[in-house]
Amino acid sequence: MALKRKKQYDAQIDKLGAARMNIESIIFAVESATTNFAALNAVRTGAQTLQQISRHMYALILASGHYGAILTILQTSFIKGY
C-alpha cells in the first residue's frame, strides 16, 4: 500500500512540475507581449510627434515664403537619403 501511494505522489509531483513549467512559459509570453506593446506605443507616439513636427514645419515654410530654397534643401536631402 505504501509503494502505491509513493507512486501516486511521484506522479503528482511530475504533473505539478509540468504545470509549473507551463505557467512559467505563459508568464514569459505575457511579459514579452507587454514589452512589445510598450514598444509599439512608443513607436506610435514617435510617429505622431514626427507628423506634428512635419505639419508645423510645412506651416513655417508656407509662412516664410522661401519655397525655392526649402525645396532645394528637401530635394538634396531626399537624393542623399536623409
N, C-alpha and C. Protein backbone atom coordinates (compact mmCIF):
# COMPACT_ATOMS: atom_id res chain seq x y z
N MET A 1 0.82 -1.20 0.00
CA MET A 1 0.00 0.00 0.00
C MET A 1 0.86 1.26 0.00
N ALA A 2 1.94 1.27 0.76
CA ALA A 2 2.82 2.44 0.83
C ALA A 2 3.51 2.68 -0.51
N LEU A 3 3.88 1.62 -1.21
CA LEU A 3 4.52 1.76 -2.51
C LEU A 3 3.57 2.38 -3.53
N LYS A 4 2.31 1.98 -3.44
CA LYS A 4 1.30 2.52 -4.35
C LYS A 4 1.13 4.02 -4.11
N ARG A 5 1.07 4.44 -2.85
CA ARG A 5 0.95 5.86 -2.52
C ARG A 5 2.17 6.64 -2.98
N LYS A 6 3.35 6.04 -2.80
CA LYS A 6 4.57 6.71 -3.24
C LYS A 6 4.54 6.95 -4.75
N LYS A 7 4.09 5.94 -5.50
CA LYS A 7 3.99 6.09 -6.94
C LYS A 7 2.98 7.19 -7.30
N GLN A 8 1.87 7.23 -6.56
CA GLN A 8 0.87 8.27 -6.81
C GLN A 8 1.45 9.66 -6.52
N TYR A 9 2.17 9.77 -5.42
CA TYR A 9 2.80 11.05 -5.06
C TYR A 9 3.84 11.46 -6.10
N ASP A 10 4.61 10.49 -6.56
CA ASP A 10 5.61 10.79 -7.59
C ASP A 10 4.93 11.27 -8.88
N ALA A 11 3.82 10.64 -9.23
CA ALA A 11 3.09 11.04 -10.43
C ALA A 11 2.54 12.46 -10.26
N GLN A 12 2.04 12.76 -9.05
CA GLN A 12 1.53 14.11 -8.79
C GLN A 12 2.66 15.14 -8.86
N ILE A 13 3.81 14.79 -8.33
CA ILE A 13 4.96 15.69 -8.38
C ILE A 13 5.34 15.98 -9.83
N ASP A 14 5.34 14.93 -10.67
CA ASP A 14 5.65 15.12 -12.08
C ASP A 14 4.63 16.03 -12.76
N LYS A 15 3.35 15.83 -12.46
CA LYS A 15 2.29 16.67 -13.03
C LYS A 15 2.43 18.13 -12.58
N LEU A 16 2.75 18.31 -11.29
CA LEU A 16 2.93 19.67 -10.78
C LEU A 16 4.14 20.35 -11.43
N GLY A 17 5.20 19.58 -11.65
CA GLY A 17 6.37 20.13 -12.33
C GLY A 17 6.04 20.58 -13.74
N ALA A 18 5.26 19.76 -14.45
CA ALA A 18 4.87 20.11 -15.81
C ALA A 18 3.95 21.34 -15.80
N ALA A 19 3.04 21.40 -14.82
CA ALA A 19 2.14 22.55 -14.72
C ALA A 19 2.93 23.82 -14.42
N ARG A 20 3.95 23.69 -13.56
CA ARG A 20 4.78 24.85 -13.23
C ARG A 20 5.52 25.35 -14.47
N MET A 21 6.07 24.44 -15.26
CA MET A 21 6.76 24.83 -16.49
C MET A 21 5.80 25.53 -17.45
N ASN A 22 4.58 25.02 -17.52
CA ASN A 22 3.57 25.63 -18.38
C ASN A 22 3.25 27.05 -17.91
N ILE A 23 3.09 27.22 -16.62
CA ILE A 23 2.79 28.54 -16.06
C ILE A 23 3.95 29.50 -16.30
N GLU A 24 5.18 29.01 -16.13
CA GLU A 24 6.34 29.86 -16.38
C GLU A 24 6.42 30.28 -17.84
N SER A 25 6.07 29.38 -18.74
CA SER A 25 6.05 29.71 -20.17
C SER A 25 5.00 30.78 -20.45
N ILE A 26 3.85 30.66 -19.82
CA ILE A 26 2.77 31.65 -20.01
C ILE A 26 3.21 33.00 -19.46
N ILE A 27 3.85 33.01 -18.30
CA ILE A 27 4.33 34.26 -17.72
C ILE A 27 5.35 34.92 -18.65
N PHE A 28 6.25 34.13 -19.20
CA PHE A 28 7.24 34.67 -20.13
C PHE A 28 6.55 35.27 -21.35
N ALA A 29 5.54 34.60 -21.89
CA ALA A 29 4.83 35.09 -23.06
C ALA A 29 4.10 36.40 -22.74
N VAL A 30 3.50 36.48 -21.56
CA VAL A 30 2.80 37.71 -21.16
C VAL A 30 3.78 38.86 -21.00
N GLU A 31 4.93 38.60 -20.38
CA GLU A 31 5.94 39.64 -20.22
C GLU A 31 6.45 40.11 -21.59
N SER A 32 6.65 39.18 -22.50
CA SER A 32 7.10 39.54 -23.84
C SER A 32 6.05 40.38 -24.56
N ALA A 33 4.79 39.99 -24.43
CA ALA A 33 3.71 40.75 -25.07
C ALA A 33 3.61 42.15 -24.48
N THR A 34 3.81 42.27 -23.17
CA THR A 34 3.77 43.57 -22.52
C THR A 34 4.89 44.47 -23.04
N THR A 35 6.07 43.91 -23.17
CA THR A 35 7.21 44.66 -23.71
C THR A 35 6.95 45.10 -25.15
N ASN A 36 6.43 44.19 -25.95
CA ASN A 36 6.12 44.52 -27.35
C ASN A 36 5.06 45.60 -27.43
N PHE A 37 4.07 45.55 -26.56
CA PHE A 37 3.01 46.55 -26.55
C PHE A 37 3.57 47.92 -26.18
N ALA A 38 4.47 47.96 -25.20
CA ALA A 38 5.09 49.22 -24.80
C ALA A 38 5.93 49.79 -25.94
N ALA A 39 6.65 48.92 -26.63
CA ALA A 39 7.47 49.37 -27.76
C ALA A 39 6.59 49.91 -28.89
N LEU A 40 5.50 49.22 -29.15
CA LEU A 40 4.57 49.68 -30.19
C LEU A 40 3.99 51.04 -29.84
N ASN A 41 3.62 51.23 -28.59
CA ASN A 41 3.10 52.53 -28.16
C ASN A 41 4.15 53.63 -28.31
N ALA A 42 5.39 53.31 -28.02
CA ALA A 42 6.47 54.29 -28.18
C ALA A 42 6.64 54.66 -29.65
N VAL A 43 6.56 53.68 -30.53
CA VAL A 43 6.68 53.94 -31.96
C VAL A 43 5.51 54.80 -32.44
N ARG A 44 4.31 54.49 -31.96
CA ARG A 44 3.13 55.29 -32.34
C ARG A 44 3.29 56.73 -31.87
N THR A 45 3.74 56.91 -30.64
CA THR A 45 3.93 58.25 -30.11
C THR A 45 4.98 59.00 -30.92
N GLY A 46 6.06 58.33 -31.26
CA GLY A 46 7.10 58.95 -32.08
C GLY A 46 6.58 59.34 -33.45
N ALA A 47 5.78 58.48 -34.07
CA ALA A 47 5.22 58.77 -35.39
C ALA A 47 4.28 59.98 -35.31
N GLN A 48 3.46 60.03 -34.28
CA GLN A 48 2.56 61.17 -34.11
C GLN A 48 3.34 62.46 -33.90
N THR A 49 4.39 62.39 -33.12
CA THR A 49 5.23 63.57 -32.87
C THR A 49 5.88 64.05 -34.16
N LEU A 50 6.39 63.10 -34.96
CA LEU A 50 7.01 63.47 -36.23
C LEU A 50 5.98 64.09 -37.19
N GLN A 51 4.76 63.58 -37.18
CA GLN A 51 3.72 64.18 -38.02
C GLN A 51 3.42 65.61 -37.59
N GLN A 52 3.36 65.83 -36.28
CA GLN A 52 3.11 67.18 -35.78
C GLN A 52 4.26 68.12 -36.17
N ILE A 53 5.48 67.65 -36.04
CA ILE A 53 6.64 68.47 -36.40
C ILE A 53 6.60 68.78 -37.90
N SER A 54 6.27 67.77 -38.70
CA SER A 54 6.21 67.96 -40.15
C SER A 54 5.15 69.00 -40.51
N ARG A 55 3.99 68.91 -39.89
CA ARG A 55 2.93 69.88 -40.15
C ARG A 55 3.37 71.29 -39.75
N HIS A 56 4.03 71.38 -38.62
CA HIS A 56 4.50 72.69 -38.14
C HIS A 56 5.55 73.26 -39.10
N MET A 57 6.47 72.41 -39.54
CA MET A 57 7.49 72.86 -40.49
C MET A 57 6.85 73.31 -41.80
N TYR A 58 5.85 72.57 -42.27
CA TYR A 58 5.18 72.93 -43.51
C TYR A 58 4.50 74.30 -43.36
N ALA A 59 3.88 74.52 -42.21
CA ALA A 59 3.25 75.82 -41.97
C ALA A 59 4.29 76.93 -41.95
N LEU A 60 5.45 76.68 -41.35
CA LEU A 60 6.52 77.67 -41.33
C LEU A 60 7.05 77.95 -42.73
N ILE A 61 7.16 76.91 -43.54
CA ILE A 61 7.63 77.08 -44.92
C ILE A 61 6.65 77.96 -45.69
N LEU A 62 5.37 77.67 -45.54
CA LEU A 62 4.36 78.47 -46.24
C LEU A 62 4.38 79.91 -45.76
N ALA A 63 4.56 80.09 -44.45
CA ALA A 63 4.55 81.44 -43.89
C ALA A 63 5.82 82.21 -44.27
N SER A 64 6.93 81.52 -44.46
CA SER A 64 8.19 82.21 -44.73
C SER A 64 8.28 82.71 -46.17
N GLY A 65 7.66 82.02 -47.10
CA GLY A 65 7.72 82.42 -48.50
C GLY A 65 9.00 82.02 -49.20
N HIS A 66 9.87 81.26 -48.56
CA HIS A 66 11.14 80.83 -49.16
C HIS A 66 10.99 79.42 -49.75
N TYR A 67 10.07 79.29 -50.68
CA TYR A 67 9.78 77.97 -51.22
C TYR A 67 10.96 77.38 -51.98
N GLY A 68 11.62 78.20 -52.80
CA GLY A 68 12.70 77.70 -53.65
C GLY A 68 13.85 77.12 -52.87
N ALA A 69 14.33 77.87 -51.88
CA ALA A 69 15.47 77.41 -51.08
C ALA A 69 15.10 76.16 -50.30
N ILE A 70 13.92 76.14 -49.73
CA ILE A 70 13.50 74.99 -48.92
C ILE A 70 13.28 73.78 -49.82
N LEU A 71 12.72 74.00 -51.00
CA LEU A 71 12.53 72.90 -51.94
C LEU A 71 13.88 72.30 -52.35
N THR A 72 14.87 73.14 -52.57
CA THR A 72 16.22 72.65 -52.92
C THR A 72 16.80 71.81 -51.77
N ILE A 73 16.62 72.27 -50.55
CA ILE A 73 17.12 71.51 -49.38
C ILE A 73 16.42 70.17 -49.28
N LEU A 74 15.12 70.17 -49.47
CA LEU A 74 14.37 68.92 -49.37
C LEU A 74 14.76 67.96 -50.48
N GLN A 75 14.94 68.46 -51.69
CA GLN A 75 15.34 67.60 -52.80
C GLN A 75 16.73 67.02 -52.57
N THR A 76 17.65 67.82 -52.08
CA THR A 76 19.01 67.37 -51.79
C THR A 76 18.98 66.30 -50.70
N SER A 77 18.19 66.53 -49.65
CA SER A 77 18.08 65.54 -48.56
C SER A 77 17.48 64.24 -49.07
N PHE A 78 16.49 64.35 -49.95
CA PHE A 78 15.84 63.14 -50.50
C PHE A 78 16.82 62.34 -51.33
N ILE A 79 17.60 63.04 -52.15
CA ILE A 79 18.57 62.36 -53.01
C ILE A 79 19.64 61.67 -52.17
N LYS A 80 20.09 62.31 -51.08
CA LYS A 80 21.11 61.72 -50.21
C LYS A 80 20.54 60.61 -49.34
N GLY A 81 19.23 60.59 -49.18
CA GLY A 81 18.59 59.53 -48.38
C GLY A 81 18.39 59.89 -46.93
N TYR A 82 18.38 61.17 -46.59
CA TYR A 82 18.16 61.56 -45.19
C TYR A 82 16.71 61.46 -44.83
